[in-house]
Amino acid sequence: MSQPHRGLLITLDGPKGAGKSTTARNVGRDLERRGLAVHVTTQPSRNQLGEIARSKTDTYRGLTLACLVAADRYHHLAHELRPRRDAGEIVICDRYVASSFVLQQMDGVPLDFVEAINAHADLPDLAVILTADPTIAAARIARRGSHDRFHTDVSTSAREVELYSKAAKRLAELGHEVVTLDTTGAMPDQIARRIGDHIAALVDVPGPRLGSA
C-alpha cells in the first residue's frame, strides 16, 4: 500500500539509446515496491500539443519546434505534473528541459533562446541524466529503428552524448540537483535501483516545495 509522502518531480534525460523509457518504467516499479505513490509520464506529452511535437519533427523545425515543445511543457506542467506532484505523488518525467537544451541545439536553435523559453518551467527535485557510449547507443537505435530525423548514425549519437554532458553542467549551474549515470555496461534494474535510492532519500528530506512558475 502506498504511504503518504511529499510529492516530487524527477526528470530523466539522456541521448537516445541510453535507455530512458525503460529506466523510467523500471524506476516507477522500484518505487512502487518501496510503497511509494508514483506517476510515470513523458515529454512531449500524450496530449494534443505533445503528439504534434512528437510526430511532426519533419514538418516543424528550429524555432518553431522549440516553441511547440516549450508550449507543451507548460501545458503538461499545469494539467498533469504539478497536480500529481501536489497530490503527493513522485512524478517521473521521461525527458524534460535538458532534452530541449540538446535536441533544439541540434536543430540549430541557440541555447540562450531555449533557456529563455523554458525559464518558467519548474525545477525538478532531481534531474537524472543518463549517458552511454555513442557506439553502443547508435547500435541500440539501429536495432529498434530511429523514429525521427535527429538520429542517423554514430556521429549524431556522439554529438548528443557531448551535448548532454554540457547540459548536465548547465543544469547544475541553474540550481538543479543533477545525477549522471552511465548505462553502457549496467543492467537496467541496477540503474533503476540506484535512481530509486536517490529518490527514496529525498522523500524524507525536508526542503522547500517547488512553486508553480
N, C-alpha and C. Protein backbone atom coordinates (compact mmCIF):
# COMPACT_ATOMS: atom_id res chain seq x y z
N MET A 1 0.85 -1.19 0.00
CA MET A 1 0.00 0.00 0.00
C MET A 1 0.89 1.24 0.00
N SER A 2 0.53 2.25 -0.82
CA SER A 2 1.33 3.45 -0.91
C SER A 2 1.25 4.23 0.39
N GLN A 3 2.39 4.74 0.83
CA GLN A 3 2.41 5.51 2.05
C GLN A 3 2.44 6.99 1.71
N PRO A 4 1.85 7.86 2.56
CA PRO A 4 1.84 9.29 2.26
C PRO A 4 3.26 9.86 2.32
N HIS A 5 3.56 10.75 1.40
CA HIS A 5 4.87 11.40 1.37
C HIS A 5 4.73 12.67 0.55
N ARG A 6 5.71 13.53 0.64
CA ARG A 6 5.65 14.76 -0.14
C ARG A 6 5.87 14.45 -1.61
N GLY A 7 5.22 15.21 -2.45
CA GLY A 7 5.37 14.99 -3.88
C GLY A 7 6.70 15.49 -4.39
N LEU A 8 7.19 14.84 -5.43
CA LEU A 8 8.47 15.20 -6.05
C LEU A 8 8.33 15.20 -7.56
N LEU A 9 9.13 16.02 -8.21
CA LEU A 9 9.27 15.97 -9.67
C LEU A 9 10.67 15.48 -9.98
N ILE A 10 10.74 14.32 -10.62
CA ILE A 10 12.02 13.71 -11.01
C ILE A 10 12.06 13.66 -12.53
N THR A 11 13.12 14.18 -13.12
CA THR A 11 13.22 14.17 -14.58
C THR A 11 14.33 13.23 -15.03
N LEU A 12 14.13 12.67 -16.20
CA LEU A 12 15.05 11.66 -16.73
C LEU A 12 15.36 12.02 -18.18
N ASP A 13 16.60 12.40 -18.44
CA ASP A 13 17.01 12.81 -19.78
C ASP A 13 18.27 12.07 -20.19
N GLY A 14 18.57 12.11 -21.48
CA GLY A 14 19.77 11.49 -21.98
C GLY A 14 19.65 11.17 -23.46
N PRO A 15 20.75 10.82 -24.09
CA PRO A 15 20.72 10.54 -25.53
C PRO A 15 19.86 9.33 -25.85
N LYS A 16 19.34 9.33 -27.04
CA LYS A 16 18.58 8.17 -27.49
C LYS A 16 19.49 6.96 -27.49
N GLY A 17 18.96 5.84 -27.01
CA GLY A 17 19.77 4.64 -26.90
C GLY A 17 20.37 4.46 -25.52
N ALA A 18 20.16 5.45 -24.62
CA ALA A 18 20.68 5.32 -23.25
C ALA A 18 19.71 4.57 -22.35
N GLY A 19 18.49 4.33 -22.84
CA GLY A 19 17.53 3.54 -22.06
C GLY A 19 16.59 4.33 -21.19
N LYS A 20 16.26 5.56 -21.58
CA LYS A 20 15.42 6.43 -20.75
C LYS A 20 14.04 5.84 -20.47
N SER A 21 13.34 5.43 -21.50
CA SER A 21 11.96 4.97 -21.32
C SER A 21 11.92 3.70 -20.47
N THR A 22 12.83 2.77 -20.74
CA THR A 22 12.90 1.55 -19.94
C THR A 22 13.23 1.89 -18.49
N THR A 23 14.18 2.80 -18.31
CA THR A 23 14.57 3.19 -16.96
C THR A 23 13.42 3.85 -16.23
N ALA A 24 12.68 4.73 -16.90
CA ALA A 24 11.55 5.40 -16.26
C ALA A 24 10.54 4.38 -15.75
N ARG A 25 10.22 3.38 -16.58
CA ARG A 25 9.28 2.34 -16.15
C ARG A 25 9.84 1.54 -14.98
N ASN A 26 11.13 1.18 -15.06
CA ASN A 26 11.75 0.39 -14.00
C ASN A 26 11.82 1.15 -12.68
N VAL A 27 12.12 2.46 -12.76
CA VAL A 27 12.17 3.27 -11.55
C VAL A 27 10.77 3.34 -10.93
N GLY A 28 9.76 3.50 -11.77
CA GLY A 28 8.39 3.53 -11.25
C GLY A 28 8.05 2.26 -10.50
N ARG A 29 8.41 1.11 -11.07
CA ARG A 29 8.13 -0.16 -10.40
C ARG A 29 8.95 -0.30 -9.12
N ASP A 30 10.20 0.15 -9.15
CA ASP A 30 11.05 0.07 -7.96
C ASP A 30 10.45 0.89 -6.82
N LEU A 31 9.97 2.09 -7.13
CA LEU A 31 9.41 2.93 -6.09
C LEU A 31 8.08 2.38 -5.57
N GLU A 32 7.30 1.80 -6.45
CA GLU A 32 6.04 1.19 -6.01
C GLU A 32 6.32 0.03 -5.06
N ARG A 33 7.39 -0.73 -5.33
CA ARG A 33 7.75 -1.82 -4.42
C ARG A 33 8.16 -1.30 -3.05
N ARG A 34 8.63 -0.06 -3.03
CA ARG A 34 9.01 0.56 -1.76
C ARG A 34 7.79 1.16 -1.05
N GLY A 35 6.62 1.03 -1.67
CA GLY A 35 5.39 1.55 -1.07
C GLY A 35 5.13 3.01 -1.34
N LEU A 36 5.75 3.57 -2.39
CA LEU A 36 5.60 4.99 -2.70
C LEU A 36 4.62 5.19 -3.86
N ALA A 37 3.88 6.29 -3.81
CA ALA A 37 2.93 6.62 -4.88
C ALA A 37 3.69 7.26 -6.03
N VAL A 38 3.54 6.71 -7.22
CA VAL A 38 4.35 7.12 -8.37
C VAL A 38 3.45 7.37 -9.58
N HIS A 39 3.85 8.37 -10.38
CA HIS A 39 3.21 8.60 -11.68
C HIS A 39 4.31 8.77 -12.71
N VAL A 40 4.32 7.91 -13.73
CA VAL A 40 5.33 7.98 -14.79
C VAL A 40 4.70 8.61 -16.03
N THR A 41 5.37 9.61 -16.58
CA THR A 41 4.85 10.30 -17.75
C THR A 41 6.01 10.64 -18.68
N THR A 42 5.73 11.36 -19.75
CA THR A 42 6.76 11.62 -20.77
C THR A 42 6.56 12.98 -21.42
N GLN A 43 7.62 13.54 -21.95
CA GLN A 43 7.55 14.73 -22.79
C GLN A 43 8.30 14.48 -24.09
N PRO A 44 7.79 14.97 -25.22
CA PRO A 44 6.49 15.61 -25.34
C PRO A 44 5.38 14.74 -24.75
N SER A 45 4.34 15.40 -24.24
CA SER A 45 3.28 14.71 -23.53
C SER A 45 2.40 13.93 -24.51
N ARG A 46 1.41 13.24 -23.95
CA ARG A 46 0.47 12.48 -24.77
C ARG A 46 -0.79 13.27 -25.10
N ASN A 47 -0.80 14.57 -24.76
CA ASN A 47 -1.95 15.37 -25.16
C ASN A 47 -1.75 15.88 -26.58
N GLN A 48 -2.68 16.69 -27.05
CA GLN A 48 -2.67 17.09 -28.46
C GLN A 48 -1.40 17.84 -28.87
N LEU A 49 -0.99 18.80 -28.04
CA LEU A 49 0.23 19.55 -28.34
C LEU A 49 1.44 18.63 -28.40
N GLY A 50 1.53 17.75 -27.42
CA GLY A 50 2.67 16.85 -27.36
C GLY A 50 2.73 15.89 -28.53
N GLU A 51 1.58 15.38 -28.95
CA GLU A 51 1.56 14.44 -30.07
C GLU A 51 2.00 15.13 -31.37
N ILE A 52 1.65 16.40 -31.51
CA ILE A 52 2.10 17.15 -32.68
C ILE A 52 3.62 17.31 -32.64
N ALA A 53 4.14 17.72 -31.47
CA ALA A 53 5.59 17.89 -31.33
C ALA A 53 6.33 16.59 -31.55
N ARG A 54 5.75 15.48 -31.10
CA ARG A 54 6.40 14.17 -31.20
C ARG A 54 6.41 13.64 -32.63
N SER A 55 5.31 13.82 -33.33
CA SER A 55 5.13 13.14 -34.62
C SER A 55 5.42 14.01 -35.83
N LYS A 56 5.62 15.31 -35.63
CA LYS A 56 5.76 16.22 -36.77
C LYS A 56 7.13 16.89 -36.83
N THR A 57 8.17 16.16 -36.42
CA THR A 57 9.51 16.78 -36.44
C THR A 57 10.02 17.01 -37.85
N ASP A 58 9.43 16.33 -38.83
CA ASP A 58 9.82 16.61 -40.21
C ASP A 58 9.12 17.85 -40.75
N THR A 59 8.01 18.22 -40.12
CA THR A 59 7.25 19.40 -40.55
C THR A 59 7.70 20.65 -39.82
N TYR A 60 7.85 20.54 -38.51
CA TYR A 60 8.22 21.68 -37.69
C TYR A 60 9.69 21.57 -37.29
N ARG A 61 10.43 22.65 -37.45
CA ARG A 61 11.86 22.64 -37.23
C ARG A 61 12.30 23.91 -36.51
N GLY A 62 13.53 23.89 -36.03
CA GLY A 62 14.15 25.09 -35.49
C GLY A 62 13.34 25.78 -34.42
N LEU A 63 13.18 27.10 -34.57
CA LEU A 63 12.48 27.91 -33.58
C LEU A 63 11.04 27.45 -33.39
N THR A 64 10.40 27.06 -34.49
CA THR A 64 9.00 26.62 -34.41
C THR A 64 8.87 25.40 -33.51
N LEU A 65 9.71 24.39 -33.73
CA LEU A 65 9.64 23.18 -32.92
C LEU A 65 10.01 23.47 -31.47
N ALA A 66 11.02 24.31 -31.27
CA ALA A 66 11.42 24.65 -29.91
C ALA A 66 10.27 25.29 -29.13
N CYS A 67 9.54 26.20 -29.78
CA CYS A 67 8.41 26.85 -29.11
C CYS A 67 7.26 25.87 -28.89
N LEU A 68 7.05 24.98 -29.84
CA LEU A 68 5.99 23.98 -29.70
C LEU A 68 6.26 23.06 -28.51
N VAL A 69 7.52 22.60 -28.39
CA VAL A 69 7.89 21.72 -27.28
C VAL A 69 7.75 22.46 -25.94
N ALA A 70 8.16 23.73 -25.90
CA ALA A 70 8.04 24.50 -24.66
C ALA A 70 6.57 24.72 -24.30
N ALA A 71 5.73 24.99 -25.28
CA ALA A 71 4.31 25.18 -25.02
C ALA A 71 3.69 23.91 -24.45
N ASP A 72 4.05 22.78 -25.02
CA ASP A 72 3.56 21.50 -24.50
C ASP A 72 4.04 21.29 -23.07
N ARG A 73 5.28 21.69 -22.78
CA ARG A 73 5.83 21.50 -21.43
C ARG A 73 5.02 22.30 -20.40
N TYR A 74 4.70 23.55 -20.72
CA TYR A 74 3.94 24.36 -19.76
C TYR A 74 2.52 23.81 -19.57
N HIS A 75 1.92 23.34 -20.65
CA HIS A 75 0.58 22.74 -20.54
C HIS A 75 0.64 21.47 -19.69
N HIS A 76 1.67 20.67 -19.93
CA HIS A 76 1.87 19.42 -19.20
C HIS A 76 2.08 19.70 -17.71
N LEU A 77 2.88 20.72 -17.41
CA LEU A 77 3.10 21.11 -16.02
C LEU A 77 1.79 21.51 -15.34
N ALA A 78 1.01 22.34 -16.03
CA ALA A 78 -0.21 22.87 -15.43
C ALA A 78 -1.28 21.81 -15.21
N HIS A 79 -1.38 20.87 -16.14
CA HIS A 79 -2.51 19.95 -16.13
C HIS A 79 -2.18 18.53 -15.66
N GLU A 80 -0.89 18.20 -15.53
CA GLU A 80 -0.55 16.85 -15.10
C GLU A 80 0.56 16.82 -14.05
N LEU A 81 1.71 17.43 -14.36
CA LEU A 81 2.87 17.29 -13.46
C LEU A 81 2.62 17.94 -12.10
N ARG A 82 2.21 19.21 -12.09
CA ARG A 82 2.00 19.89 -10.81
C ARG A 82 0.85 19.27 -10.00
N PRO A 83 -0.30 19.01 -10.62
CA PRO A 83 -1.38 18.39 -9.83
C PRO A 83 -0.98 17.05 -9.21
N ARG A 84 -0.28 16.23 -9.96
CA ARG A 84 0.15 14.93 -9.43
C ARG A 84 1.17 15.11 -8.30
N ARG A 85 2.13 16.00 -8.54
CA ARG A 85 3.15 16.25 -7.52
C ARG A 85 2.52 16.84 -6.26
N ASP A 86 1.61 17.79 -6.44
CA ASP A 86 0.99 18.44 -5.29
C ASP A 86 0.06 17.50 -4.53
N ALA A 87 -0.38 16.42 -5.18
CA ALA A 87 -1.20 15.41 -4.51
C ALA A 87 -0.34 14.41 -3.75
N GLY A 88 0.98 14.60 -3.79
CA GLY A 88 1.88 13.74 -3.02
C GLY A 88 2.49 12.60 -3.80
N GLU A 89 2.37 12.63 -5.12
CA GLU A 89 2.96 11.56 -5.93
C GLU A 89 4.38 11.92 -6.34
N ILE A 90 5.19 10.89 -6.57
CA ILE A 90 6.51 11.08 -7.17
C ILE A 90 6.33 11.00 -8.66
N VAL A 91 6.50 12.11 -9.33
CA VAL A 91 6.30 12.19 -10.77
C VAL A 91 7.63 11.94 -11.47
N ILE A 92 7.68 10.90 -12.31
CA ILE A 92 8.86 10.58 -13.10
C ILE A 92 8.58 11.01 -14.53
N CYS A 93 9.32 12.00 -15.02
CA CYS A 93 9.07 12.52 -16.37
C CYS A 93 10.22 12.13 -17.29
N ASP A 94 9.89 11.31 -18.29
CA ASP A 94 10.84 10.86 -19.31
C ASP A 94 11.01 11.99 -20.33
N ARG A 95 12.11 12.70 -20.21
CA ARG A 95 12.50 13.90 -20.96
C ARG A 95 11.91 15.14 -20.32
N TYR A 96 12.78 16.18 -20.24
CA TYR A 96 12.34 17.46 -19.67
C TYR A 96 13.23 18.53 -20.29
N VAL A 97 13.61 19.54 -19.54
CA VAL A 97 14.30 20.69 -20.11
C VAL A 97 15.65 20.32 -20.71
N ALA A 98 16.38 19.39 -20.10
CA ALA A 98 17.69 19.01 -20.65
C ALA A 98 17.57 18.51 -22.08
N SER A 99 16.51 17.79 -22.38
CA SER A 99 16.31 17.29 -23.74
C SER A 99 16.11 18.44 -24.72
N SER A 100 15.43 19.50 -24.27
CA SER A 100 15.28 20.67 -25.14
C SER A 100 16.62 21.36 -25.36
N PHE A 101 17.43 21.46 -24.29
CA PHE A 101 18.75 22.05 -24.46
C PHE A 101 19.52 21.33 -25.58
N VAL A 102 19.42 20.01 -25.60
CA VAL A 102 20.21 19.22 -26.55
C VAL A 102 19.57 19.18 -27.93
N LEU A 103 18.33 18.72 -28.01
CA LEU A 103 17.72 18.49 -29.33
C LEU A 103 17.49 19.79 -30.08
N GLN A 104 17.10 20.86 -29.36
CA GLN A 104 16.91 22.13 -30.07
C GLN A 104 18.23 22.71 -30.56
N GLN A 105 19.30 22.51 -29.80
CA GLN A 105 20.61 22.93 -30.31
C GLN A 105 21.00 22.13 -31.54
N MET A 106 20.71 20.83 -31.54
CA MET A 106 20.98 20.01 -32.72
C MET A 106 20.16 20.46 -33.92
N ASP A 107 19.06 21.17 -33.63
CA ASP A 107 18.17 21.67 -34.67
C ASP A 107 18.49 23.12 -35.04
N GLY A 108 19.63 23.61 -34.54
CA GLY A 108 20.10 24.93 -34.94
C GLY A 108 19.59 26.09 -34.11
N VAL A 109 18.97 25.82 -32.96
CA VAL A 109 18.44 26.89 -32.11
C VAL A 109 19.48 27.26 -31.06
N PRO A 110 19.77 28.55 -30.89
CA PRO A 110 20.77 28.96 -29.88
C PRO A 110 20.31 28.57 -28.48
N LEU A 111 21.27 28.16 -27.64
CA LEU A 111 20.96 27.73 -26.29
C LEU A 111 20.29 28.83 -25.49
N ASP A 112 20.71 30.09 -25.66
CA ASP A 112 20.11 31.15 -24.86
C ASP A 112 18.62 31.31 -25.17
N PHE A 113 18.22 31.05 -26.41
CA PHE A 113 16.80 31.10 -26.77
C PHE A 113 16.05 29.96 -26.09
N VAL A 114 16.64 28.76 -26.12
CA VAL A 114 15.99 27.60 -25.49
C VAL A 114 15.86 27.83 -23.99
N GLU A 115 16.89 28.37 -23.37
CA GLU A 115 16.81 28.66 -21.94
C GLU A 115 15.72 29.69 -21.65
N ALA A 116 15.62 30.71 -22.50
CA ALA A 116 14.64 31.77 -22.25
C ALA A 116 13.21 31.25 -22.31
N ILE A 117 12.89 30.41 -23.30
CA ILE A 117 11.50 29.96 -23.43
C ILE A 117 11.15 28.87 -22.43
N ASN A 118 12.15 28.32 -21.77
CA ASN A 118 11.90 27.30 -20.73
C ASN A 118 12.18 27.84 -19.33
N ALA A 119 12.40 29.13 -19.20
CA ALA A 119 12.84 29.70 -17.93
C ALA A 119 11.80 29.57 -16.81
N HIS A 120 10.52 29.41 -17.17
CA HIS A 120 9.48 29.33 -16.14
C HIS A 120 9.04 27.89 -15.86
N ALA A 121 9.74 26.92 -16.42
CA ALA A 121 9.46 25.52 -16.09
C ALA A 121 9.97 25.22 -14.68
N ASP A 122 9.22 24.44 -13.92
CA ASP A 122 9.62 24.11 -12.55
C ASP A 122 10.97 23.39 -12.52
N LEU A 123 11.78 23.73 -11.54
CA LEU A 123 12.99 22.95 -11.30
C LEU A 123 12.61 21.61 -10.70
N PRO A 124 13.15 20.52 -11.22
CA PRO A 124 12.86 19.22 -10.61
C PRO A 124 13.58 19.07 -9.28
N ASP A 125 13.06 18.18 -8.44
CA ASP A 125 13.76 17.85 -7.20
C ASP A 125 15.04 17.08 -7.50
N LEU A 126 15.03 16.34 -8.60
CA LEU A 126 16.21 15.61 -9.04
C LEU A 126 16.18 15.48 -10.55
N ALA A 127 17.26 15.89 -11.20
CA ALA A 127 17.41 15.74 -12.65
C ALA A 127 18.42 14.63 -12.91
N VAL A 128 17.94 13.52 -13.45
CA VAL A 128 18.81 12.39 -13.76
C VAL A 128 19.19 12.47 -15.24
N ILE A 129 20.48 12.43 -15.51
CA ILE A 129 20.99 12.39 -16.88
C ILE A 129 21.61 11.03 -17.11
N LEU A 130 21.05 10.27 -18.03
CA LEU A 130 21.65 9.01 -18.43
C LEU A 130 22.59 9.26 -19.59
N THR A 131 23.67 8.50 -19.65
CA THR A 131 24.58 8.60 -20.78
C THR A 131 24.99 7.20 -21.20
N ALA A 132 25.64 7.10 -22.34
CA ALA A 132 26.08 5.80 -22.86
C ALA A 132 27.16 6.03 -23.89
N ASP A 133 27.99 5.01 -24.09
CA ASP A 133 28.99 5.08 -25.15
C ASP A 133 28.26 5.30 -26.48
N PRO A 134 28.69 6.29 -27.29
CA PRO A 134 27.98 6.60 -28.53
C PRO A 134 27.83 5.41 -29.47
N THR A 135 28.85 4.55 -29.54
CA THR A 135 28.76 3.37 -30.42
C THR A 135 27.67 2.43 -29.95
N ILE A 136 27.58 2.21 -28.63
CA ILE A 136 26.55 1.35 -28.07
C ILE A 136 25.17 1.97 -28.27
N ALA A 137 25.06 3.28 -28.02
CA ALA A 137 23.78 3.96 -28.20
C ALA A 137 23.31 3.87 -29.64
N ALA A 138 24.23 4.09 -30.60
CA ALA A 138 23.86 4.03 -32.01
C ALA A 138 23.42 2.62 -32.40
N ALA A 139 24.09 1.61 -31.85
CA ALA A 139 23.72 0.22 -32.15
C ALA A 139 22.33 -0.10 -31.61
N ARG A 140 22.01 0.41 -30.41
CA ARG A 140 20.68 0.19 -29.84
C ARG A 140 19.61 0.84 -30.70
N ILE A 141 19.89 2.04 -31.18
CA ILE A 141 18.93 2.74 -32.04
C ILE A 141 18.73 1.97 -33.34
N ALA A 142 19.84 1.49 -33.91
CA ALA A 142 19.76 0.76 -35.18
C ALA A 142 18.92 -0.51 -35.04
N ARG A 143 19.03 -1.18 -33.89
CA ARG A 143 18.27 -2.42 -33.69
C ARG A 143 16.77 -2.18 -33.67
N ARG A 144 16.37 -1.08 -33.07
CA ARG A 144 14.92 -0.85 -32.96
C ARG A 144 14.39 0.16 -33.97
N GLY A 145 15.31 0.88 -34.63
CA GLY A 145 14.91 1.84 -35.64
C GLY A 145 14.72 3.23 -35.07
N SER A 146 15.22 4.23 -35.78
CA SER A 146 15.05 5.62 -35.37
C SER A 146 13.71 6.12 -35.89
N HIS A 147 13.04 6.95 -35.05
CA HIS A 147 11.71 7.42 -35.41
C HIS A 147 11.67 8.91 -35.72
N ASP A 148 12.82 9.56 -35.77
CA ASP A 148 12.83 10.97 -36.12
C ASP A 148 14.16 11.31 -36.79
N ARG A 149 14.27 12.55 -37.25
CA ARG A 149 15.43 12.97 -38.03
C ARG A 149 16.65 13.31 -37.17
N PHE A 150 16.53 13.27 -35.87
CA PHE A 150 17.64 13.67 -35.01
C PHE A 150 18.69 12.58 -34.86
N HIS A 151 18.39 11.35 -35.25
CA HIS A 151 19.32 10.25 -35.02
C HIS A 151 19.55 9.49 -36.32
N THR A 152 20.77 9.57 -36.83
CA THR A 152 21.08 8.95 -38.11
C THR A 152 22.18 7.90 -38.00
N ASP A 153 23.22 8.19 -37.23
CA ASP A 153 24.35 7.26 -37.14
C ASP A 153 25.14 7.56 -35.87
N VAL A 154 26.31 6.93 -35.75
CA VAL A 154 27.10 7.08 -34.53
C VAL A 154 27.57 8.52 -34.34
N SER A 155 27.71 9.29 -35.42
CA SER A 155 28.17 10.67 -35.27
C SER A 155 27.11 11.52 -34.56
N THR A 156 25.83 11.30 -34.87
CA THR A 156 24.79 12.06 -34.16
C THR A 156 24.67 11.59 -32.72
N SER A 157 24.89 10.30 -32.48
CA SER A 157 24.89 9.81 -31.10
C SER A 157 26.03 10.46 -30.31
N ALA A 158 27.20 10.56 -30.92
CA ALA A 158 28.34 11.18 -30.25
C ALA A 158 28.07 12.65 -29.94
N ARG A 159 27.46 13.34 -30.90
CA ARG A 159 27.11 14.75 -30.68
C ARG A 159 26.10 14.89 -29.55
N GLU A 160 25.12 13.99 -29.52
CA GLU A 160 24.11 14.03 -28.48
C GLU A 160 24.72 13.77 -27.10
N VAL A 161 25.58 12.76 -27.00
CA VAL A 161 26.23 12.47 -25.72
C VAL A 161 27.04 13.68 -25.25
N GLU A 162 27.76 14.32 -26.16
CA GLU A 162 28.55 15.51 -25.80
C GLU A 162 27.65 16.62 -25.28
N LEU A 163 26.54 16.87 -25.97
CA LEU A 163 25.65 17.95 -25.56
C LEU A 163 24.96 17.66 -24.24
N TYR A 164 24.64 16.40 -23.97
CA TYR A 164 24.04 16.07 -22.68
C TYR A 164 25.02 16.27 -21.54
N SER A 165 26.29 16.01 -21.79
CA SER A 165 27.30 16.27 -20.77
C SER A 165 27.34 17.76 -20.44
N LYS A 166 27.28 18.59 -21.47
CA LYS A 166 27.26 20.04 -21.26
C LYS A 166 25.95 20.47 -20.60
N ALA A 167 24.85 19.83 -20.98
CA ALA A 167 23.55 20.17 -20.39
C ALA A 167 23.54 19.88 -18.89
N ALA A 168 24.14 18.75 -18.49
CA ALA A 168 24.19 18.40 -17.07
C ALA A 168 24.92 19.49 -16.29
N LYS A 169 26.03 19.99 -16.83
CA LYS A 169 26.77 21.05 -16.17
C LYS A 169 25.96 22.34 -16.11
N ARG A 170 25.24 22.62 -17.19
CA ARG A 170 24.43 23.85 -17.22
C ARG A 170 23.27 23.77 -16.23
N LEU A 171 22.64 22.60 -16.14
CA LEU A 171 21.55 22.43 -15.18
C LEU A 171 22.04 22.66 -13.75
N ALA A 172 23.23 22.15 -13.44
CA ALA A 172 23.80 22.35 -12.11
C ALA A 172 24.03 23.83 -11.84
N GLU A 173 24.51 24.55 -12.86
CA GLU A 173 24.72 25.99 -12.73
C GLU A 173 23.41 26.73 -12.47
N LEU A 174 22.31 26.20 -13.03
CA LEU A 174 20.99 26.83 -12.87
C LEU A 174 20.28 26.41 -11.59
N GLY A 175 20.94 25.57 -10.78
CA GLY A 175 20.39 25.22 -9.49
C GLY A 175 19.71 23.88 -9.40
N HIS A 176 19.81 23.07 -10.46
CA HIS A 176 19.23 21.73 -10.42
C HIS A 176 20.11 20.78 -9.60
N GLU A 177 19.47 19.84 -8.93
CA GLU A 177 20.18 18.71 -8.32
C GLU A 177 20.34 17.66 -9.42
N VAL A 178 21.57 17.38 -9.83
CA VAL A 178 21.82 16.55 -11.01
C VAL A 178 22.59 15.29 -10.63
N VAL A 179 22.14 14.15 -11.16
CA VAL A 179 22.86 12.89 -11.03
C VAL A 179 23.04 12.34 -12.44
N THR A 180 24.28 12.02 -12.81
CA THR A 180 24.57 11.45 -14.13
C THR A 180 24.98 9.99 -13.97
N LEU A 181 24.35 9.11 -14.75
CA LEU A 181 24.62 7.68 -14.68
C LEU A 181 24.92 7.12 -16.07
N ASP A 182 25.98 6.32 -16.17
CA ASP A 182 26.36 5.70 -17.43
C ASP A 182 25.69 4.33 -17.53
N THR A 183 24.90 4.13 -18.58
CA THR A 183 24.16 2.88 -18.75
C THR A 183 24.87 1.88 -19.66
N THR A 184 26.08 2.22 -20.12
CA THR A 184 26.74 1.39 -21.13
C THR A 184 26.87 -0.06 -20.70
N GLY A 185 27.39 -0.30 -19.51
CA GLY A 185 27.61 -1.68 -19.08
C GLY A 185 26.77 -2.10 -17.91
N ALA A 186 25.77 -1.29 -17.57
CA ALA A 186 24.96 -1.57 -16.39
C ALA A 186 23.65 -2.25 -16.78
N MET A 187 23.18 -3.13 -15.90
CA MET A 187 21.88 -3.76 -16.11
C MET A 187 20.78 -2.75 -15.78
N PRO A 188 19.67 -2.78 -16.54
CA PRO A 188 18.59 -1.81 -16.31
C PRO A 188 18.08 -1.78 -14.87
N ASP A 189 17.97 -2.94 -14.23
CA ASP A 189 17.46 -2.95 -12.86
C ASP A 189 18.45 -2.33 -11.88
N GLN A 190 19.76 -2.41 -12.19
CA GLN A 190 20.76 -1.77 -11.35
C GLN A 190 20.63 -0.25 -11.42
N ILE A 191 20.47 0.26 -12.64
CA ILE A 191 20.30 1.71 -12.82
C ILE A 191 19.05 2.17 -12.10
N ALA A 192 17.95 1.41 -12.24
CA ALA A 192 16.69 1.79 -11.61
C ALA A 192 16.82 1.82 -10.09
N ARG A 193 17.51 0.85 -9.53
CA ARG A 193 17.68 0.82 -8.07
C ARG A 193 18.50 2.00 -7.58
N ARG A 194 19.53 2.35 -8.33
CA ARG A 194 20.36 3.49 -7.92
C ARG A 194 19.54 4.78 -7.92
N ILE A 195 18.73 4.95 -8.97
CA ILE A 195 17.88 6.14 -9.03
C ILE A 195 16.83 6.08 -7.92
N GLY A 196 16.25 4.89 -7.71
CA GLY A 196 15.26 4.73 -6.65
C GLY A 196 15.83 5.07 -5.29
N ASP A 197 17.08 4.70 -5.04
CA ASP A 197 17.72 5.04 -3.77
C ASP A 197 17.83 6.55 -3.59
N HIS A 198 18.21 7.25 -4.66
CA HIS A 198 18.30 8.71 -4.60
C HIS A 198 16.94 9.32 -4.28
N ILE A 199 15.91 8.83 -4.95
CA ILE A 199 14.57 9.39 -4.76
C ILE A 199 14.03 9.07 -3.37
N ALA A 200 14.21 7.83 -2.92
CA ALA A 200 13.71 7.45 -1.60
C ALA A 200 14.35 8.30 -0.51
N ALA A 201 15.62 8.65 -0.70
CA ALA A 201 16.29 9.51 0.28
C ALA A 201 15.68 10.91 0.30
N LEU A 202 15.22 11.38 -0.86
CA LEU A 202 14.63 12.71 -0.94
C LEU A 202 13.27 12.79 -0.26
N VAL A 203 12.55 11.69 -0.25
CA VAL A 203 11.19 11.70 0.28
C VAL A 203 11.14 12.20 1.71
N ASP A 204 12.12 11.81 2.51
CA ASP A 204 12.11 12.17 3.93
C ASP A 204 12.99 13.37 4.24
N VAL A 205 13.54 14.00 3.21
CA VAL A 205 14.39 15.17 3.44
C VAL A 205 13.54 16.42 3.36
N PRO A 206 13.42 17.19 4.46
CA PRO A 206 12.62 18.41 4.40
C PRO A 206 13.28 19.44 3.51
N GLY A 207 12.47 20.20 2.84
CA GLY A 207 13.02 21.22 1.96
C GLY A 207 11.90 22.01 1.32
N PRO A 208 12.20 23.08 0.61
CA PRO A 208 11.16 23.92 0.01
C PRO A 208 10.46 23.16 -1.10
N ARG A 209 9.15 23.37 -1.18
CA ARG A 209 8.37 22.80 -2.27
C ARG A 209 8.62 23.60 -3.54
N LEU A 210 8.56 22.95 -4.67
CA LEU A 210 8.65 23.66 -5.93
C LEU A 210 7.42 24.55 -6.08
N GLY A 211 7.62 25.75 -6.54
CA GLY A 211 6.48 26.62 -6.75
C GLY A 211 6.07 26.61 -8.21
N SER A 212 4.81 26.86 -8.47
CA SER A 212 4.34 26.99 -9.85
C SER A 212 4.88 28.28 -10.40
N ALA A 213 5.52 28.18 -11.57
CA ALA A 213 6.11 29.38 -12.16
C ALA A 213 5.12 30.06 -13.07
